Amino acid sequence: SSGTLALEECRNRLEALTEANEVYFSSGSA
């Protein structure tokens, strides 16, 4: 969808970002 995403599109994108696991932290820290 252009502009505002449909609810299912929002869910799918958040699920894929979670599965990508590309949020990195220094070891043992936040």
PDB file of all heavy atoms in Angstrom:
ATOM      1  N   SER A   1       0.842  -1.194   0.000  1.00  0.00           N
ATOM      2  CA  SER A   1       0.000   0.000   0.000  1.00  0.00           C
ATOM      3  C   SER A   1       0.877   1.243   0.000  1.00  0.00           C
ATOM      4  O   SER A   1       1.926   1.269   0.636  1.00  0.00           O
ATOM      5  CB  SER A   1      -0.901   0.012   1.241  1.00  0.00           C
ATOM      6  OG  SER A   1      -1.723  -1.134   1.287  1.00  0.00           O
ATOM      7  N   SER A   2       0.456   2.279  -0.707  1.00  0.00           N
ATOM      8  CA  SER A   2       1.163   3.550  -0.630  1.00  0.00           C
ATOM      9  C   SER A   2       0.649   4.314   0.580  1.00  0.00           C
ATOM     10  O   SER A   2      -0.501   4.153   0.996  1.00  0.00           O
ATOM     11  CB  SER A   2       0.937   4.363  -1.904  1.00  0.00           C
ATOM     12  OG  SER A   2      -0.448   4.628  -2.087  1.00  0.00           O
ATOM     13  N   GLY A   3       1.508   5.125   1.178  1.00  0.00           N
ATOM     14  CA  GLY A   3       1.091   5.877   2.364  1.00  0.00           C
ATOM     15  C   GLY A   3       0.876   4.948   3.545  1.00  0.00           C
ATOM     16  O   GLY A   3       1.757   4.163   3.908  1.00  0.00           O
ATOM     17  N   THR A   4      -0.309   5.020   4.134  1.00  0.00           N
ATOM     18  CA  THR A   4      -0.627   4.189   5.298  1.00  0.00           C
ATOM     19  C   THR A   4      -0.709   2.720   4.908  1.00  0.00           C
ATOM     20  O   THR A   4      -1.400   2.354   3.954  1.00  0.00           O
ATOM     21  CB  THR A   4      -1.961   4.634   5.927  1.00  0.00           C
ATOM     22  OG1 THR A   4      -1.849   6.000   6.354  1.00  0.00           O
ATOM     23  CG2 THR A   4      -2.312   3.759   7.124  1.00  0.00           C
ATOM     24  N   LEU A   5      -0.014   1.883   5.663  1.00  0.00           N
ATOM     25  CA  LEU A   5      -0.025   0.446   5.405  1.00  0.00           C
ATOM     26  C   LEU A   5      -1.261  -0.199   6.001  1.00  0.00           C
ATOM     27  O   LEU A   5      -1.789   0.252   7.029  1.00  0.00           O
ATOM     28  CB  LEU A   5       1.219  -0.214   6.004  1.00  0.00           C
ATOM     29  CG  LEU A   5       2.567   0.173   5.409  1.00  0.00           C
ATOM     30  CD1 LEU A   5       3.703  -0.367   6.274  1.00  0.00           C
ATOM     31  CD2 LEU A   5       2.700  -0.355   3.983  1.00  0.00           C
ATOM     32  N   ALA A   6      -1.731  -1.269   5.374  1.00  0.00           N
ATOM     33  CA  ALA A   6      -2.808  -2.063   5.945  1.00  0.00           C
ATOM     34  C   ALA A   6      -2.297  -2.767   7.201  1.00  0.00           C
ATOM     35  O   ALA A   6      -1.100  -2.977   7.372  1.00  0.00           O
ATOM     36  CB  ALA A   6      -3.297  -3.088   4.925  1.00  0.00           C
ATOM     37  N   LEU A   7      -3.230  -3.129   8.087  1.00  0.00           N
ATOM     38  CA  LEU A   7      -2.841  -3.735   9.364  1.00  0.00           C
ATOM     39  C   LEU A   7      -1.995  -4.982   9.159  1.00  0.00           C
ATOM     40  O   LEU A   7      -0.972  -5.175   9.838  1.00  0.00           O
ATOM     41  CB  LEU A   7      -4.087  -4.070  10.186  1.00  0.00           C
ATOM     42  CG  LEU A   7      -3.845  -4.770  11.527  1.00  0.00           C
ATOM     43  CD1 LEU A   7      -2.985  -3.914  12.447  1.00  0.00           C
ATOM     44  CD2 LEU A   7      -5.186  -5.109  12.188  1.00  0.00           C
ATOM     45  N   GLU A   8      -2.391  -5.849   8.228  1.00  0.00           N
ATOM     46  CA  GLU A   8      -1.631  -7.072   7.987  1.00  0.00           C
ATOM     47  C   GLU A   8      -0.231  -6.750   7.472  1.00  0.00           C
ATOM     48  O   GLU A   8       0.743  -7.427   7.814  1.00  0.00           O
ATOM     49  CB  GLU A   8      -2.373  -7.961   6.982  1.00  0.00           C
ATOM     50  CG  GLU A   8      -1.770  -9.348   6.811  1.00  0.00           C
ATOM     51  CD  GLU A   8      -1.844 -10.186   8.078  1.00  0.00           C
ATOM     52  OE1 GLU A   8      -2.684  -9.889   8.946  1.00  0.00           O
ATOM     53  OE2 GLU A   8      -1.053 -11.148   8.192  1.00  0.00           O
ATOM     54  N   GLU A   9      -0.109  -5.713   6.653  1.00  0.00           N
ATOM     55  CA  GLU A   9       1.199  -5.287   6.175  1.00  0.00           C
ATOM     56  C   GLU A   9       2.069  -4.807   7.333  1.00  0.00           C
ATOM     57  O   GLU A   9       3.274  -5.080   7.377  1.00  0.00           O
ATOM     58  CB  GLU A   9       1.042  -4.176   5.134  1.00  0.00           C
ATOM     59  CG  GLU A   9       0.414  -4.641   3.823  1.00  0.00           C
ATOM     60  CD  GLU A   9       0.149  -3.494   2.871  1.00  0.00           C
ATOM     61  OE1 GLU A   9      -0.473  -2.500   3.308  1.00  0.00           O
ATOM     62  OE2 GLU A   9       0.559  -3.575   1.700  1.00  0.00           O
ATOM     63  N   CYS A  10       1.452  -4.086   8.286  1.00  0.00           N
ATOM     64  CA  CYS A  10       2.204  -3.641   9.466  1.00  0.00           C
ATOM     65  C   CYS A  10       2.723  -4.847  10.240  1.00  0.00           C
ATOM     66  O   CYS A  10       3.903  -4.899  10.629  1.00  0.00           O
ATOM     67  CB  CYS A  10       1.316  -2.781  10.366  1.00  0.00           C
ATOM     68  SG  CYS A  10       0.767  -1.230   9.620  1.00  0.00           S
ATOM     69  N   ARG A  11       1.863  -5.820  10.478  1.00  0.00           N
ATOM     70  CA  ARG A  11       2.268  -7.035  11.216  1.00  0.00           C
ATOM     71  C   ARG A  11       3.406  -7.749  10.492  1.00  0.00           C
ATOM     72  O   ARG A  11       4.381  -8.177  11.118  1.00  0.00           O
ATOM     73  CB  ARG A  11       1.078  -7.982  11.361  1.00  0.00           C
ATOM     74  CG  ARG A  11       0.034  -7.569  12.369  1.00  0.00           C
ATOM     75  CD  ARG A  11      -0.769  -8.794  12.808  1.00  0.00           C
ATOM     76  NE  ARG A  11      -1.899  -8.424  13.617  1.00  0.00           N
ATOM     77  CZ  ARG A  11      -3.154  -8.285  13.165  1.00  0.00           C
ATOM     78  NH1 ARG A  11      -3.402  -8.480  11.876  1.00  0.00           N
ATOM     79  NH2 ARG A  11      -4.140  -7.948  13.970  1.00  0.00           N
ATOM     80  N   ASN A  12       3.254  -7.912   9.192  1.00  0.00           N
ATOM     81  CA  ASN A  12       4.265  -8.641   8.422  1.00  0.00           C
ATOM     82  C   ASN A  12       5.628  -7.961   8.501  1.00  0.00           C
ATOM     83  O   ASN A  12       6.665  -8.628   8.634  1.00  0.00           O
ATOM     84  CB  ASN A  12       3.831  -8.754   6.965  1.00  0.00           C
ATOM     85  CG  ASN A  12       2.656  -9.696   6.773  1.00  0.00           C
ATOM     86  OD1 ASN A  12       2.348 -10.513   7.647  1.00  0.00           O
ATOM     87  ND2 ASN A  12       1.990  -9.584   5.640  1.00  0.00           N
ATOM     88  N   ARG A  13       5.659  -6.653   8.423  1.00  0.00           N
ATOM     89  CA  ARG A  13       6.934  -5.932   8.451  1.00  0.00           C
ATOM     90  C   ARG A  13       7.596  -5.985   9.825  1.00  0.00           C
ATOM     91  O   ARG A  13       8.819  -6.131   9.925  1.00  0.00           O
ATOM     92  CB  ARG A  13       6.715  -4.482   7.988  1.00  0.00           C
ATOM     93  CG  ARG A  13       6.638  -4.396   6.470  1.00  0.00           C
ATOM     94  CD  ARG A  13       5.628  -3.384   5.959  1.00  0.00           C
ATOM     95  NE  ARG A  13       5.491  -3.550   4.499  1.00  0.00           N
ATOM     96  CZ  ARG A  13       4.775  -4.543   3.929  1.00  0.00           C
ATOM     97  NH1 ARG A  13       4.148  -5.427   4.681  1.00  0.00           N
ATOM     98  NH2 ARG A  13       4.714  -4.652   2.607  1.00  0.00           N
ATOM     99  N   LEU A  14       6.793  -5.908  10.858  1.00  0.00           N
ATOM    100  CA  LEU A  14       7.355  -6.009  12.214  1.00  0.00           C
ATOM    101  C   LEU A  14       7.865  -7.426  12.481  1.00  0.00           C
ATOM    102  O   LEU A  14       8.908  -7.618  13.118  1.00  0.00           O
ATOM    103  CB  LEU A  14       6.302  -5.611  13.238  1.00  0.00           C
ATOM    104  CG  LEU A  14       5.870  -4.144  13.196  1.00  0.00           C
ATOM    105  CD1 LEU A  14       4.693  -3.910  14.136  1.00  0.00           C
ATOM    106  CD2 LEU A  14       7.027  -3.222  13.550  1.00  0.00           C
ATOM    107  N   GLU A  15       7.135  -8.419  11.986  1.00  0.00           N
ATOM    108  CA  GLU A  15       7.574  -9.806  12.144  1.00  0.00           C
ATOM    109  C   GLU A  15       8.901 -10.039  11.421  1.00  0.00           C
ATOM    110  O   GLU A  15       9.822 -10.671  11.967  1.00  0.00           O
ATOM    111  CB  GLU A  15       6.512 -10.762  11.609  1.00  0.00           C
ATOM    112  CG  GLU A  15       6.862 -12.231  11.770  1.00  0.00           C
ATOM    113  CD  GLU A  15       5.760 -13.164  11.301  1.00  0.00           C
ATOM    114  OE1 GLU A  15       4.586 -12.737  11.280  1.00  0.00           O
ATOM    115  OE2 GLU A  15       6.071 -14.333  10.960  1.00  0.00           O
ATOM    116  N   ALA A  16       9.012  -9.513  10.206  1.00  0.00           N
ATOM    117  CA  ALA A  16      10.244  -9.695   9.433  1.00  0.00           C
ATOM    118  C   ALA A  16      11.417  -8.969  10.083  1.00  0.00           C
ATOM    119  O   ALA A  16      12.543  -9.495  10.115  1.00  0.00           O
ATOM    120  CB  ALA A  16      10.050  -9.211   8.002  1.00  0.00           C
ATOM    121  N   LEU A  17      11.193  -7.773  10.622  1.00  0.00           N
ATOM    122  CA  LEU A  17      12.271  -7.051  11.313  1.00  0.00           C
ATOM    123  C   LEU A  17      12.730  -7.816  12.546  1.00  0.00           C
ATOM    124  O   LEU A  17      13.923  -7.868  12.861  1.00  0.00           O
ATOM    125  CB  LEU A  17      11.813  -5.646  11.713  1.00  0.00           C
ATOM    126  CG  LEU A  17      11.776  -4.577  10.629  1.00  0.00           C
ATOM    127  CD1 LEU A  17      11.454  -3.224  11.249  1.00  0.00           C
ATOM    128  CD2 LEU A  17      13.107  -4.493   9.888  1.00  0.00           C
ATOM    129  N   THR A  18      11.775  -8.409  13.258  1.00  0.00           N
ATOM    130  CA  THR A  18      12.138  -9.224  14.424  1.00  0.00           C
ATOM    131  C   THR A  18      12.976 -10.422  13.998  1.00  0.00           C
ATOM    132  O   THR A  18      14.009 -10.727  14.605  1.00  0.00           O
ATOM    133  CB  THR A  18      10.872  -9.698  15.156  1.00  0.00           C
ATOM    134  OG1 THR A  18      10.126  -8.567  15.619  1.00  0.00           O
ATOM    135  CG2 THR A  18      11.229 -10.591  16.346  1.00  0.00           C
ATOM    136  N   GLU A  19      12.548 -11.104  12.941  1.00  0.00           N
ATOM    137  CA  GLU A  19      13.262 -12.293  12.458  1.00  0.00           C
ATOM    138  C   GLU A  19      14.643 -11.944  11.914  1.00  0.00           C
ATOM    139  O   GLU A  19      15.574 -12.751  12.003  1.00  0.00           O
ATOM    140  CB  GLU A  19      12.430 -12.987  11.383  1.00  0.00           C
ATOM    141  CG  GLU A  19      11.140 -13.607  11.910  1.00  0.00           C
ATOM    142  CD  GLU A  19      10.165 -13.982  10.808  1.00  0.00           C
ATOM    143  OE1 GLU A  19      10.291 -13.471   9.678  1.00  0.00           O
ATOM    144  OE2 GLU A  19       9.250 -14.795  11.076  1.00  0.00           O
ATOM    145  N   ALA A  20      14.793 -10.733  11.375  1.00  0.00           N
ATOM    146  CA  ALA A  20      16.104 -10.319  10.869  1.00  0.00           C
ATOM    147  C   ALA A  20      17.129 -10.240  11.998  1.00  0.00           C
ATOM    148  O   ALA A  20      18.319 -10.485  11.784  1.00  0.00           O
ATOM    149  CB  ALA A  20      15.990  -8.972  10.166  1.00  0.00           C
ATOM    150  N   ASN A  21      16.682  -9.877  13.189  1.00  0.00           N
ATOM    151  CA  ASN A  21      17.552  -9.826  14.374  1.00  0.00           C
ATOM    152  C   ASN A  21      18.794  -8.969  14.113  1.00  0.00           C
ATOM    153  O   ASN A  21      19.928  -9.374  14.369  1.00  0.00           O
ATOM    154  CB  ASN A  21      17.957 -11.235  14.802  1.00  0.00           C
ATOM    155  CG  ASN A  21      18.306 -11.316  16.283  1.00  0.00           C
ATOM    156  OD1 ASN A  21      18.123 -10.342  17.027  1.00  0.00           O
ATOM    157  ND2 ASN A  21      18.819 -12.456  16.716  1.00  0.00           N
ATOM    158  N   GLU A  22      18.556  -7.760  13.619  1.00  0.00           N
ATOM    159  CA  GLU A  22      19.660  -6.874  13.239  1.00  0.00           C
ATOM    160  C   GLU A  22      19.820  -5.688  14.192  1.00  0.00           C
ATOM    161  O   GLU A  22      20.392  -4.670  13.832  1.00  0.00           O
ATOM    162  CB  GLU A  22      19.436  -6.349  11.815  1.00  0.00           C
ATOM    163  CG  GLU A  22      19.494  -7.401  10.731  1.00  0.00           C
ATOM    164  CD  GLU A  22      20.899  -7.830  10.370  1.00  0.00           C
ATOM    165  OE1 GLU A  22      21.847  -7.137  10.784  1.00  0.00           O
ATOM    166  OE2 GLU A  22      21.055  -8.864   9.699  1.00  0.00           O
ATOM    167  N   VAL A  23      19.270  -5.811  15.409  1.00  0.00           N
ATOM    168  CA  VAL A  23      19.493  -4.789  16.432  1.00  0.00           C
ATOM    169  C   VAL A  23      20.635  -5.288  17.315  1.00  0.00           C
ATOM    170  O   VAL A  23      20.511  -6.319  17.992  1.00  0.00           O
ATOM    171  CB  VAL A  23      18.224  -4.527  17.270  1.00  0.00           C
ATOM    172  CG1 VAL A  23      18.500  -3.450  18.329  1.00  0.00           C
ATOM    173  CG2 VAL A  23      17.068  -4.099  16.374  1.00  0.00           C
ATOM    174  N   TYR A  24      21.741  -4.555  17.317  1.00  0.00           N
ATOM    175  CA  TYR A  24      22.962  -5.028  17.974  1.00  0.00           C
ATOM    176  C   TYR A  24      23.299  -4.175  19.194  1.00  0.00           C
ATOM    177  O   TYR A  24      23.126  -2.943  19.177  1.00  0.00           O
ATOM    178  CB  TYR A  24      24.135  -4.968  16.999  1.00  0.00           C
ATOM    179  CG  TYR A  24      23.951  -5.842  15.777  1.00  0.00           C
ATOM    180  CD1 TYR A  24      23.610  -5.283  14.542  1.00  0.00           C
ATOM    181  CD2 TYR A  24      24.118  -7.225  15.862  1.00  0.00           C
ATOM    182  CE1 TYR A  24      23.451  -6.077  13.420  1.00  0.00           C
ATOM    183  CE2 TYR A  24      23.956  -8.016  14.739  1.00  0.00           C
ATOM    184  CZ  TYR A  24      23.625  -7.445  13.527  1.00  0.00           C
ATOM    185  OH  TYR A  24      23.450  -8.231  12.417  1.00  0.00           O
ATOM    186  N   PHE A  25      23.809  -4.845  20.231  1.00  0.00           N
ATOM    187  CA  PHE A  25      24.271  -4.188  21.447  1.00  0.00           C
ATOM    188  C   PHE A  25      25.688  -4.637  21.757  1.00  0.00           C
ATOM    189  O   PHE A  25      26.106  -5.741  21.362  1.00  0.00           O
ATOM    190  CB  PHE A  25      23.373  -4.547  22.638  1.00  0.00           C
ATOM    191  CG  PHE A  25      21.932  -4.129  22.475  1.00  0.00           C
ATOM    192  CD1 PHE A  25      21.011  -4.990  21.894  1.00  0.00           C
ATOM    193  CD2 PHE A  25      21.510  -2.890  22.897  1.00  0.00           C
ATOM    194  CE1 PHE A  25      19.684  -4.620  21.739  1.00  0.00           C
ATOM    195  CE2 PHE A  25      20.187  -2.492  22.756  1.00  0.00           C
ATOM    196  CZ  PHE A  25      19.273  -3.361  22.169  1.00  0.00           C
ATOM    197  N   SER A  26      26.404  -3.806  22.459  1.00  0.00           N
ATOM    198  CA  SER A  26      27.704  -4.230  22.961  1.00  0.00           C
ATOM    199  C   SER A  26      27.490  -5.389  23.926  1.00  0.00           C
ATOM    200  O   SER A  26      26.451  -5.480  24.596  1.00  0.00           O
ATOM    201  CB  SER A  26      28.405  -3.071  23.669  1.00  0.00           C
ATOM    202  OG  SER A  26      28.635  -2.004  22.776  1.00  0.00           O
ATOM    203  N   SER A  27      28.439  -6.305  23.996  1.00  0.00           N
ATOM    204  CA  SER A  27      28.306  -7.518  24.806  1.00  0.00           C
ATOM    205  C   SER A  27      28.002  -7.182  26.262  1.00  0.00           C
ATOM    206  O   SER A  27      28.711  -6.389  26.889  1.00  0.00           O
ATOM    207  CB  SER A  27      29.586  -8.343  24.721  1.00  0.00           C
ATOM    208  OG  SER A  27      29.479  -9.512  25.504  1.00  0.00           O
ATOM    209  N   GLY A  28      26.897  -7.765  26.756  1.00  0.00           N
ATOM    210  CA  GLY A  28      26.553  -7.603  28.156  1.00  0.00           C
ATOM    211  C   GLY A  28      26.034  -6.233  28.531  1.00  0.00           C
ATOM    212  O   GLY A  28      25.868  -5.936  29.720  1.00  0.00           O
ATOM    213  N   SER A  29      25.755  -5.369  27.527  1.00  0.00           N
ATOM    214  CA  SER A  29      25.305  -4.020  27.847  1.00  0.00           C
ATOM    215  C   SER A  29      24.082  -3.674  27.016  1.00  0.00           C
ATOM    216  O   SER A  29      23.639  -4.435  26.155  1.00  0.00           O
ATOM    217  CB  SER A  29      26.410  -2.994  27.576  1.00  0.00           C
ATOM    218  OG  SER A  29      26.452  -2.625  26.214  1.00  0.00           O
ATOM    219  N   ALA A  30      23.522  -2.486  27.289  1.00  0.00           N
ATOM    220  CA  ALA A  30      22.358  -2.005  26.567  1.00  0.00           C
ATOM    221  C   ALA A  30      22.730  -0.857  25.634  1.00  0.00           C
ATOM    222  O   ALA A  30      21.848  -0.089  25.217  1.00  0.00           O
ATOM    223  CB  ALA A  30      21.277  -1.574  27.544  1.00  0.00           C
TER     224      ALA A  30
END
